[in-house]
């Protein structure tokens, strides 16, 4: 399985296990056309409720998908500018980078149905063997909220521009 196929599998697991039923978009670009342009792989919006103030007080979560160490080491794709931020990565990669992860960034890993997260940590399944049929995404490390640098209006506009999904 290629890096691109692993990335697609991780994205499909994210959509199925985490994003379903939420307000979300993929490939969300901020600062379009500027020197500080950045793109978030997946992003969700969670309003407090459907009132005006509930929407304005809503929170955003960013998810960056990393399929391998080379992908993680690439300077692109570490755009953690939302309230909560997560990596989506195979357990083998998590074990390689666990000591490099920023404090506030959480991690989800695919865990095969026949294992729990502790067994998977001790003996990670090869990324090529992970499929949406044999595993689920499990939170390995919680995200710690931080102050967002982007206004709600701008974040919602960027989600809408990228092709909001639900």
Protein backbone atom coordinates (compact mmCIF):
# COMPACT_ATOMS: atom_id res chain seq x y z
CA UNK A 1 0.00 0.00 0.00
CA UNK A 2 1.38 3.41 -0.96
CA UNK A 3 1.67 6.48 1.26
CA UNK A 4 -1.25 8.02 -0.64
CA UNK A 5 -3.41 4.94 -0.01
CA UNK A 6 -2.56 4.93 3.72
CA UNK A 7 -3.46 8.62 3.91
CA UNK A 8 -6.78 7.91 2.16
CA UNK A 9 -7.55 5.03 4.56
CA UNK A 10 -6.80 7.26 7.59
CA UNK A 11 -9.02 10.00 6.15
CA UNK A 12 -11.86 7.54 5.52
CA UNK A 13 -11.58 6.25 9.11
CA UNK A 14 -11.69 9.83 10.39
CA UNK A 15 -14.84 10.57 8.39
CA UNK A 16 -16.53 7.36 9.50
CA UNK A 17 -15.53 7.32 13.18
CA UNK A 18 -15.22 10.98 14.17
CA UNK A 19 -16.75 13.38 11.63
CA UNK A 20 -20.04 11.66 10.77
CA UNK A 21 -22.95 13.81 11.91
CA UNK A 22 -20.75 16.87 12.53
CA UNK A 23 -20.24 20.04 10.53
CA UNK A 24 -16.95 19.41 8.74
CA UNK A 25 -14.89 20.19 5.67
CA UNK A 26 -11.65 18.90 4.21
CA UNK A 27 -8.70 20.69 2.65
CA UNK A 28 -9.60 23.98 4.37
CA UNK A 29 -7.29 26.77 3.20
CA UNK A 30 -6.52 29.88 5.25
CA UNK A 31 -4.79 33.06 4.03
CA UNK A 32 -5.45 32.03 0.43
CA UNK A 33 -2.94 33.52 -1.99
CA UNK A 34 -0.73 34.97 0.74
CA UNK A 35 2.78 34.01 1.78
CA UNK A 36 1.43 32.49 5.03
CA UNK A 37 -1.19 30.32 3.31
CA UNK A 38 -1.93 27.06 5.11
CA UNK A 39 -4.29 24.15 4.57
CA UNK A 40 -5.86 21.93 7.22
CA UNK A 41 -6.66 18.35 6.16
CA UNK A 42 -10.00 18.16 8.00
CA UNK A 43 -11.82 20.63 10.22
CA UNK A 44 -15.00 20.54 12.30
CA UNK A 45 -17.22 23.21 13.78
CA UNK A 46 -19.24 22.53 16.95
CA UNK A 47 -21.72 25.26 17.86
CA UNK A 48 -22.83 25.49 21.49
CA UNK A 49 -26.43 25.56 20.18
CA UNK A 50 -28.31 26.97 17.19
CA UNK A 51 -28.79 30.48 18.61
CA UNK A 52 -26.74 33.41 17.34
CA UNK A 53 -24.62 33.53 20.48
CA UNK A 54 -24.34 29.72 20.51
CA UNK A 55 -22.94 29.75 16.99
CA UNK A 56 -20.56 32.61 17.80
CA UNK A 57 -19.29 30.69 20.86
CA UNK A 58 -18.77 27.49 18.85
CA UNK A 59 -15.42 25.72 18.67
CA UNK A 60 -13.28 24.43 15.83
CA UNK A 61 -11.13 21.30 15.68
CA UNK A 62 -8.34 20.65 13.16
CA UNK A 63 -7.19 17.17 12.10
CA UNK A 64 -3.90 16.63 10.28
CA UNK A 65 -3.40 13.18 8.69
CA UNK A 66 0.14 11.75 8.78
CA UNK A 67 0.81 8.38 7.13
CA UNK A 68 4.54 7.89 7.81
CA UNK A 69 7.63 9.47 9.34
CA UNK A 70 8.56 11.30 6.12
CA UNK A 71 5.05 12.79 6.01
CA UNK A 72 5.33 13.82 9.67
CA UNK A 73 8.81 15.36 9.17
CA UNK A 74 7.59 17.38 6.17
CA UNK A 75 7.25 21.03 7.18
CA UNK A 76 3.77 21.16 5.66
CA UNK A 77 0.64 19.93 7.38
CA UNK A 78 1.22 20.98 10.98
CA UNK A 79 -1.36 23.76 10.93
CA UNK A 80 -2.69 23.75 14.46
CA UNK A 81 -4.53 27.05 14.56
CA UNK A 82 -7.89 25.92 15.94
CA UNK A 83 -9.32 25.50 19.45
CA UNK A 84 -8.48 21.79 19.46
CA UNK A 85 -5.98 20.05 17.19
CA UNK A 86 -5.28 16.40 16.42
CA UNK A 87 -2.98 14.20 14.38
CA UNK A 88 -4.43 11.09 12.74
CA UNK A 89 -1.61 8.55 12.39
CA UNK A 90 -0.76 4.84 12.60
CA UNK A 91 0.40 3.64 16.02
CA UNK A 92 3.85 2.78 14.66
CA UNK A 93 4.35 6.43 13.69
CA UNK A 94 2.97 7.62 17.03
CA UNK A 95 5.59 5.52 18.83
CA UNK A 96 8.33 7.14 16.71
CA UNK A 97 7.26 10.73 17.38
CA UNK A 98 5.59 10.57 20.81
CA UNK A 99 8.33 12.64 22.45
CA UNK A 100 8.16 15.32 19.74
CA UNK A 101 4.42 15.98 19.92
CA UNK A 102 3.34 19.44 21.08
CA UNK A 103 1.59 19.39 24.46
CA UNK A 104 -1.73 20.74 23.18
CA UNK A 105 -2.01 18.46 20.10
CA UNK A 106 -3.93 15.21 20.48
CA UNK A 107 -3.59 11.96 18.52
CA UNK A 108 -6.00 9.40 17.08
CA UNK A 109 -4.67 6.05 15.87
CA UNK A 110 -6.41 3.20 14.06
CA UNK A 111 -6.69 0.16 16.33
CA UNK A 112 -7.57 -3.25 14.86
CA UNK A 113 -10.80 -4.76 16.21
CA UNK A 114 -8.87 -7.67 17.72
CA UNK A 115 -6.60 -5.44 19.86
CA UNK A 116 -6.94 -2.75 22.49
CA UNK A 117 -4.82 0.40 22.36
CA UNK A 118 -2.25 -0.97 24.83
CA UNK A 119 -1.69 -4.14 22.77
CA UNK A 120 -1.45 -2.04 19.61
CA UNK A 121 1.13 0.23 21.26
CA UNK A 122 3.28 -2.75 22.25
CA UNK A 123 3.03 -4.40 18.84
CA UNK A 124 1.85 -1.92 16.16
CA UNK A 125 0.07 -3.21 13.09
CA UNK A 126 1.81 -2.28 9.84
CA UNK A 127 0.14 0.75 8.28
CA UNK A 128 -0.35 -1.20 5.05
CA UNK A 129 -2.54 -3.73 6.90
CA UNK A 130 -4.96 -1.17 8.32
CA UNK A 131 -8.31 -0.90 6.56
CA UNK A 132 -11.66 0.64 7.37
CA UNK A 133 -12.98 -2.93 7.68
CA UNK A 134 -10.57 -4.12 10.37
CA UNK A 135 -10.07 -1.15 12.71
CA UNK A 136 -11.49 1.95 14.38
CA UNK A 137 -9.91 5.29 15.24
CA UNK A 138 -9.19 5.60 18.97
CA UNK A 139 -8.01 8.66 20.89
CA UNK A 140 -4.51 7.93 22.18
CA UNK A 141 -3.70 11.44 23.42
CA UNK A 142 -6.25 14.16 24.18
CA UNK A 143 -5.98 17.61 22.69
CA UNK A 144 -5.69 20.48 25.16
CA UNK A 145 -7.68 23.51 23.97
CA UNK A 146 -5.82 26.66 23.09
CA UNK A 147 -6.83 30.13 22.02
CA UNK A 148 -7.65 30.23 18.33
CA UNK A 149 -5.86 32.80 16.17
CA UNK A 150 -8.65 32.96 13.58
CA UNK A 151 -12.09 34.53 14.07
CA UNK A 152 -15.18 32.31 13.88
CA UNK A 153 -16.38 34.23 10.82
CA UNK A 154 -13.15 33.64 8.92
CA UNK A 155 -12.99 29.97 9.94
CA UNK A 156 -16.60 29.35 8.86
CA UNK A 157 -16.01 31.17 5.57
CA UNK A 158 -12.91 29.06 4.86
CA UNK A 159 -14.83 25.87 5.64
CA UNK A 160 -17.64 26.97 3.33
CA UNK A 161 -15.20 27.90 0.55
CA UNK A 162 -13.55 24.47 0.75
CA UNK A 163 -16.84 22.66 0.27
CA UNK A 164 -18.39 22.15 3.71
CA UNK A 165 -19.60 18.60 4.33
CA UNK A 166 -22.05 17.06 6.77
